[in-house]
N, C-alpha and C. Protein backbone atom coordinates (compact mmCIF):
# COMPACT_ATOMS: atom_id res chain seq x y z
N UNK A 1 110.78 139.95 152.90
CA UNK A 1 111.11 141.20 152.24
C UNK A 1 112.51 141.17 151.62
N UNK A 2 113.49 140.68 152.38
CA UNK A 2 114.86 140.62 151.86
C UNK A 2 114.94 139.65 150.68
N UNK A 3 114.27 138.51 150.79
CA UNK A 3 114.28 137.55 149.68
C UNK A 3 113.73 138.21 148.42
N UNK A 4 112.66 138.95 148.54
CA UNK A 4 112.05 139.63 147.38
C UNK A 4 113.04 140.64 146.78
N UNK A 5 113.72 141.39 147.62
CA UNK A 5 114.69 142.40 147.16
C UNK A 5 115.84 141.74 146.40
N UNK A 6 116.42 140.69 147.00
CA UNK A 6 117.57 140.04 146.37
C UNK A 6 117.17 139.26 145.13
N UNK A 7 115.99 138.69 145.14
CA UNK A 7 115.50 138.00 143.95
C UNK A 7 115.40 138.99 142.79
N UNK A 8 114.86 140.18 143.05
CA UNK A 8 114.74 141.20 142.00
C UNK A 8 116.12 141.64 141.50
N UNK A 9 117.06 141.84 142.41
CA UNK A 9 118.42 142.22 141.99
C UNK A 9 119.06 141.12 141.16
N UNK A 10 118.94 139.89 141.63
CA UNK A 10 119.52 138.75 140.91
C UNK A 10 118.90 138.62 139.52
N UNK A 11 117.58 138.72 139.44
CA UNK A 11 116.90 138.57 138.15
C UNK A 11 117.20 139.73 137.20
N UNK A 12 117.63 140.88 137.74
CA UNK A 12 118.01 141.99 136.87
C UNK A 12 119.22 141.59 136.01
N UNK A 13 119.97 140.62 136.48
CA UNK A 13 121.12 140.13 135.71
C UNK A 13 120.71 139.14 134.62
N UNK A 14 119.43 138.81 134.57
CA UNK A 14 118.92 137.89 133.55
C UNK A 14 118.20 138.63 132.43
N UNK A 15 118.07 139.95 132.54
CA UNK A 15 117.33 140.69 131.52
C UNK A 15 118.21 141.78 130.90
N UNK A 16 117.59 142.78 130.32
CA UNK A 16 118.33 143.81 129.58
C UNK A 16 119.32 144.59 130.44
N UNK A 17 119.10 144.66 131.74
CA UNK A 17 120.03 145.41 132.60
C UNK A 17 121.41 144.78 132.63
N UNK A 18 121.53 143.53 132.24
CA UNK A 18 122.83 142.87 132.25
C UNK A 18 123.80 143.51 131.25
N UNK A 19 123.29 144.38 130.37
CA UNK A 19 124.13 145.07 129.38
C UNK A 19 124.46 146.50 129.82
N UNK A 20 123.96 146.91 130.96
CA UNK A 20 124.11 148.27 131.45
C UNK A 20 125.35 148.37 132.36
N UNK A 21 126.44 148.90 131.81
CA UNK A 21 127.71 148.97 132.54
C UNK A 21 127.54 149.70 133.88
N UNK A 22 126.85 150.83 133.87
CA UNK A 22 126.67 151.59 135.11
C UNK A 22 125.94 150.76 136.17
N UNK A 23 124.91 150.05 135.77
CA UNK A 23 124.16 149.19 136.69
C UNK A 23 125.07 148.09 137.24
N UNK A 24 125.82 147.45 136.37
CA UNK A 24 126.71 146.37 136.78
C UNK A 24 127.77 146.87 137.75
N UNK A 25 128.31 148.04 137.50
CA UNK A 25 129.34 148.59 138.38
C UNK A 25 128.78 148.92 139.76
N UNK A 26 127.51 149.28 139.84
CA UNK A 26 126.87 149.51 141.14
C UNK A 26 126.53 148.20 141.84
N UNK A 27 126.09 147.23 141.08
CA UNK A 27 125.59 145.97 141.64
C UNK A 27 126.71 145.02 142.06
N UNK A 28 127.78 144.95 141.27
CA UNK A 28 128.86 144.00 141.56
C UNK A 28 129.86 144.61 142.53
N UNK A 29 130.09 143.93 143.62
CA UNK A 29 131.05 144.34 144.64
C UNK A 29 132.43 144.50 144.00
N UNK A 30 133.28 145.42 144.48
CA UNK A 30 134.63 145.57 143.91
C UNK A 30 135.44 144.27 143.91
N UNK A 31 135.18 143.37 144.85
CA UNK A 31 135.91 142.09 144.91
C UNK A 31 135.14 140.94 144.27
N UNK A 32 134.16 141.25 143.45
CA UNK A 32 133.32 140.21 142.84
C UNK A 32 134.15 139.16 142.11
N UNK A 33 133.76 137.90 142.30
CA UNK A 33 134.33 136.75 141.59
C UNK A 33 133.18 135.84 141.19
N UNK A 34 133.40 135.11 140.12
CA UNK A 34 132.38 134.16 139.66
C UNK A 34 133.05 132.88 139.18
N UNK A 35 132.37 131.78 139.43
CA UNK A 35 132.71 130.51 138.78
C UNK A 35 131.55 130.23 137.85
N UNK A 36 131.82 130.28 136.56
CA UNK A 36 130.76 130.18 135.56
C UNK A 36 130.21 128.75 135.49
N UNK A 37 129.10 128.61 134.82
CA UNK A 37 128.48 127.30 134.62
C UNK A 37 129.45 126.33 133.95
N UNK A 38 130.33 126.86 133.12
CA UNK A 38 131.30 126.02 132.41
C UNK A 38 132.56 125.76 133.24
N UNK A 39 132.63 126.33 134.46
CA UNK A 39 133.75 126.05 135.34
C UNK A 39 134.90 127.05 135.28
N UNK A 40 134.74 128.14 134.56
CA UNK A 40 135.78 129.17 134.48
C UNK A 40 135.67 130.13 135.64
N UNK A 41 136.80 130.56 136.18
CA UNK A 41 136.84 131.60 137.21
C UNK A 41 137.03 132.94 136.52
N UNK A 42 136.18 133.90 136.86
CA UNK A 42 136.29 135.23 136.27
C UNK A 42 136.16 136.28 137.37
N UNK A 43 136.73 137.46 137.11
CA UNK A 43 136.65 138.54 138.09
C UNK A 43 135.61 139.57 137.63
N UNK A 44 135.50 140.63 138.37
CA UNK A 44 134.51 141.66 138.12
C UNK A 44 134.68 142.29 136.74
N UNK A 45 135.92 142.68 136.40
CA UNK A 45 136.17 143.33 135.11
C UNK A 45 135.82 142.41 133.95
N UNK A 46 136.19 141.14 134.05
CA UNK A 46 135.87 140.19 132.98
C UNK A 46 134.36 140.00 132.86
N UNK A 47 133.68 139.92 133.98
CA UNK A 47 132.23 139.73 133.97
C UNK A 47 131.53 140.92 133.33
N UNK A 48 131.91 142.13 133.74
CA UNK A 48 131.28 143.33 133.18
C UNK A 48 131.55 143.41 131.69
N UNK A 49 132.79 143.20 131.26
CA UNK A 49 133.13 143.27 129.84
C UNK A 49 132.33 142.26 129.03
N UNK A 50 132.20 141.06 129.56
CA UNK A 50 131.47 140.00 128.87
C UNK A 50 129.98 140.34 128.74
N UNK A 51 129.38 140.79 129.82
CA UNK A 51 127.94 141.09 129.79
C UNK A 51 127.61 142.29 128.92
N UNK A 52 128.44 143.33 128.98
CA UNK A 52 128.18 144.54 128.20
C UNK A 52 128.24 144.23 126.70
N UNK A 53 129.11 143.32 126.30
CA UNK A 53 129.30 143.00 124.88
C UNK A 53 128.42 141.84 124.40
N UNK A 54 127.72 141.21 125.29
CA UNK A 54 126.92 140.03 124.96
C UNK A 54 125.85 140.35 123.92
N UNK A 55 125.69 139.47 122.98
CA UNK A 55 124.68 139.62 121.93
C UNK A 55 123.47 138.76 122.27
N UNK A 56 122.33 139.37 122.40
CA UNK A 56 121.03 138.74 122.65
C UNK A 56 121.07 137.31 123.22
N UNK A 57 121.30 137.19 124.52
CA UNK A 57 121.28 135.86 125.13
C UNK A 57 119.86 135.33 125.19
N UNK A 58 119.70 134.00 125.21
CA UNK A 58 118.35 133.45 125.35
C UNK A 58 117.78 133.83 126.71
N UNK A 59 116.46 134.02 126.78
CA UNK A 59 115.85 134.38 128.07
C UNK A 59 116.13 133.31 129.14
N UNK A 60 116.42 133.77 130.33
CA UNK A 60 116.69 132.88 131.45
C UNK A 60 115.53 132.99 132.44
N UNK A 61 114.98 131.85 132.81
CA UNK A 61 113.93 131.80 133.82
C UNK A 61 114.54 131.27 135.11
N UNK A 62 113.96 131.63 136.23
CA UNK A 62 114.51 131.19 137.52
C UNK A 62 113.37 130.83 138.47
N UNK A 63 113.71 129.97 139.43
CA UNK A 63 112.70 129.52 140.41
C UNK A 63 113.41 128.97 141.64
N UNK A 64 112.62 128.59 142.62
CA UNK A 64 113.10 127.90 143.84
C UNK A 64 114.12 128.73 144.63
N UNK A 65 113.85 129.99 144.81
CA UNK A 65 114.76 130.86 145.55
C UNK A 65 114.72 130.54 147.04
N UNK A 66 115.89 130.44 147.63
CA UNK A 66 116.03 130.23 149.08
C UNK A 66 117.15 131.14 149.57
N UNK A 67 117.00 131.63 150.78
CA UNK A 67 117.96 132.55 151.36
C UNK A 67 118.58 131.95 152.62
N UNK A 68 119.91 132.03 152.72
CA UNK A 68 120.62 131.60 153.91
C UNK A 68 121.33 132.81 154.50
N UNK A 69 121.02 133.12 155.76
CA UNK A 69 121.66 134.26 156.45
C UNK A 69 122.96 133.77 157.08
N UNK A 70 124.08 134.37 156.69
CA UNK A 70 125.38 134.00 157.26
C UNK A 70 125.69 134.84 158.48
N UNK A 71 125.43 136.13 158.36
CA UNK A 71 125.63 137.09 159.46
C UNK A 71 124.91 138.36 159.05
N UNK A 72 124.87 139.32 159.94
CA UNK A 72 124.23 140.60 159.60
C UNK A 72 124.90 141.19 158.36
N UNK A 73 124.10 141.45 157.33
CA UNK A 73 124.63 142.07 156.12
C UNK A 73 125.33 141.13 155.16
N UNK A 74 125.16 139.81 155.34
CA UNK A 74 125.78 138.83 154.44
C UNK A 74 124.86 137.62 154.30
N UNK A 75 124.41 137.38 153.08
CA UNK A 75 123.48 136.27 152.82
C UNK A 75 123.89 135.52 151.55
N UNK A 76 123.40 134.30 151.48
CA UNK A 76 123.58 133.50 150.26
C UNK A 76 122.21 133.23 149.67
N UNK A 77 122.08 133.47 148.38
CA UNK A 77 120.84 133.21 147.65
C UNK A 77 121.06 131.98 146.78
N UNK A 78 120.21 130.98 146.94
CA UNK A 78 120.25 129.74 146.15
C UNK A 78 119.02 129.72 145.24
N UNK A 79 119.19 129.27 144.00
CA UNK A 79 118.04 129.16 143.09
C UNK A 79 118.41 128.32 141.88
N UNK A 80 117.45 128.08 141.02
CA UNK A 80 117.64 127.33 139.78
C UNK A 80 117.34 128.25 138.59
N UNK A 81 118.07 128.04 137.50
CA UNK A 81 117.76 128.74 136.25
C UNK A 81 117.62 127.71 135.14
N UNK A 82 116.95 128.13 134.07
CA UNK A 82 116.78 127.27 132.89
C UNK A 82 116.33 128.16 131.74
N UNK A 83 116.51 127.67 130.52
CA UNK A 83 116.04 128.39 129.35
C UNK A 83 114.55 128.10 129.16
N UNK A 84 113.89 128.90 128.33
CA UNK A 84 112.45 128.76 128.12
C UNK A 84 112.07 127.35 127.69
N UNK A 85 112.92 126.71 126.91
CA UNK A 85 112.63 125.35 126.43
C UNK A 85 112.95 124.28 127.49
N UNK A 86 113.38 124.71 128.68
CA UNK A 86 113.69 123.77 129.76
C UNK A 86 115.14 123.28 129.77
N UNK A 87 115.91 123.69 128.78
CA UNK A 87 117.30 123.23 128.69
C UNK A 87 118.21 124.04 129.61
N UNK A 88 119.41 123.56 129.77
CA UNK A 88 120.48 124.23 130.52
C UNK A 88 120.10 124.57 131.96
N UNK A 89 119.41 123.64 132.62
CA UNK A 89 119.06 123.88 134.01
C UNK A 89 120.34 123.94 134.84
N UNK A 90 120.40 124.95 135.70
CA UNK A 90 121.58 125.17 136.53
C UNK A 90 121.17 125.46 137.96
N UNK A 91 122.04 125.06 138.89
CA UNK A 91 121.90 125.44 140.28
C UNK A 91 122.77 126.68 140.46
N UNK A 92 122.23 127.70 141.10
CA UNK A 92 122.93 128.97 141.25
C UNK A 92 123.08 129.32 142.72
N UNK A 93 124.21 129.92 143.04
CA UNK A 93 124.48 130.40 144.39
C UNK A 93 125.14 131.76 144.28
N UNK A 94 124.58 132.73 144.99
CA UNK A 94 125.12 134.08 145.00
C UNK A 94 125.30 134.55 146.43
N UNK A 95 126.43 135.18 146.70
CA UNK A 95 126.69 135.75 148.02
C UNK A 95 126.54 137.27 147.91
N UNK A 96 125.66 137.82 148.74
CA UNK A 96 125.36 139.25 148.73
C UNK A 96 125.83 139.89 150.03
N UNK A 97 126.44 141.06 149.90
CA UNK A 97 126.89 141.83 151.06
C UNK A 97 126.18 143.18 151.08
N UNK A 98 125.83 143.63 152.26
CA UNK A 98 125.24 144.95 152.43
C UNK A 98 126.37 145.97 152.57
N UNK A 99 126.39 146.96 151.69
CA UNK A 99 127.47 147.95 151.69
C UNK A 99 127.26 148.99 152.78
N UNK A 100 128.28 149.80 152.99
CA UNK A 100 128.18 150.89 153.96
C UNK A 100 127.12 151.91 153.54
N UNK A 101 126.80 151.94 152.26
CA UNK A 101 125.76 152.84 151.74
C UNK A 101 124.38 152.21 151.86
N UNK A 102 124.29 151.07 152.57
CA UNK A 102 123.04 150.35 152.77
C UNK A 102 122.45 149.84 151.45
N UNK A 103 123.35 149.35 150.59
CA UNK A 103 123.00 148.84 149.27
C UNK A 103 123.54 147.41 149.16
N UNK A 104 122.73 146.49 148.66
CA UNK A 104 123.20 145.11 148.49
C UNK A 104 124.08 145.01 147.25
N UNK A 105 125.24 144.36 147.40
CA UNK A 105 126.16 144.14 146.29
C UNK A 105 126.49 142.66 146.19
N UNK A 106 126.66 142.22 144.97
CA UNK A 106 126.96 140.81 144.70
C UNK A 106 128.47 140.62 144.74
N UNK A 107 128.95 139.77 145.66
CA UNK A 107 130.39 139.57 145.82
C UNK A 107 130.86 138.24 145.21
N UNK A 108 129.95 137.25 145.09
CA UNK A 108 130.33 135.96 144.53
C UNK A 108 129.12 135.31 143.88
N UNK A 109 129.36 134.62 142.76
CA UNK A 109 128.30 133.86 142.09
C UNK A 109 128.89 132.59 141.50
N UNK A 110 128.12 131.51 141.59
CA UNK A 110 128.53 130.26 140.95
C UNK A 110 127.31 129.61 140.31
N UNK A 111 127.51 129.12 139.10
CA UNK A 111 126.49 128.35 138.40
C UNK A 111 127.02 126.96 138.14
N UNK A 112 126.21 125.95 138.44
CA UNK A 112 126.60 124.56 138.26
C UNK A 112 125.49 123.84 137.49
N UNK A 113 125.82 123.10 136.43
CA UNK A 113 124.77 122.37 135.74
C UNK A 113 124.03 121.43 136.71
N UNK A 114 122.71 121.43 136.63
CA UNK A 114 121.91 120.52 137.46
C UNK A 114 122.14 119.09 136.99
N UNK A 115 122.02 118.16 137.88
CA UNK A 115 122.19 116.74 137.53
C UNK A 115 121.27 116.39 136.35
N UNK A 116 121.85 115.82 135.32
CA UNK A 116 121.10 115.42 134.12
C UNK A 116 120.80 116.56 133.17
N UNK A 117 121.26 117.78 133.46
CA UNK A 117 120.98 118.93 132.60
C UNK A 117 121.78 118.85 131.31
N UNK A 118 121.19 119.38 130.26
CA UNK A 118 121.84 119.40 128.94
C UNK A 118 122.40 120.78 128.70
């Protein structure tokens, strides 16, 4: 059940909701940090600004979701993403925390090109 919930939240960042500032502000933890696929470190404000202004990104597909429980209310979600044509395959890792409002928030994300990915 938790894997299904977090997979849906994670995939919401791959579709039209990624442009919804209000959604992003609810979903991203106040201390959110990311290491992008290109190796840049960005914070919550930079991520939200970038996603809200993004112009029609190519569709992102994902698969191979796995969940690692670190402690009560803290998990890591591992998965792969790729474009429809199979390019830009990436390994993804997201750390999710359960808030005091009983809502999952994304506190950290990293994307790394998969071995041999273009």
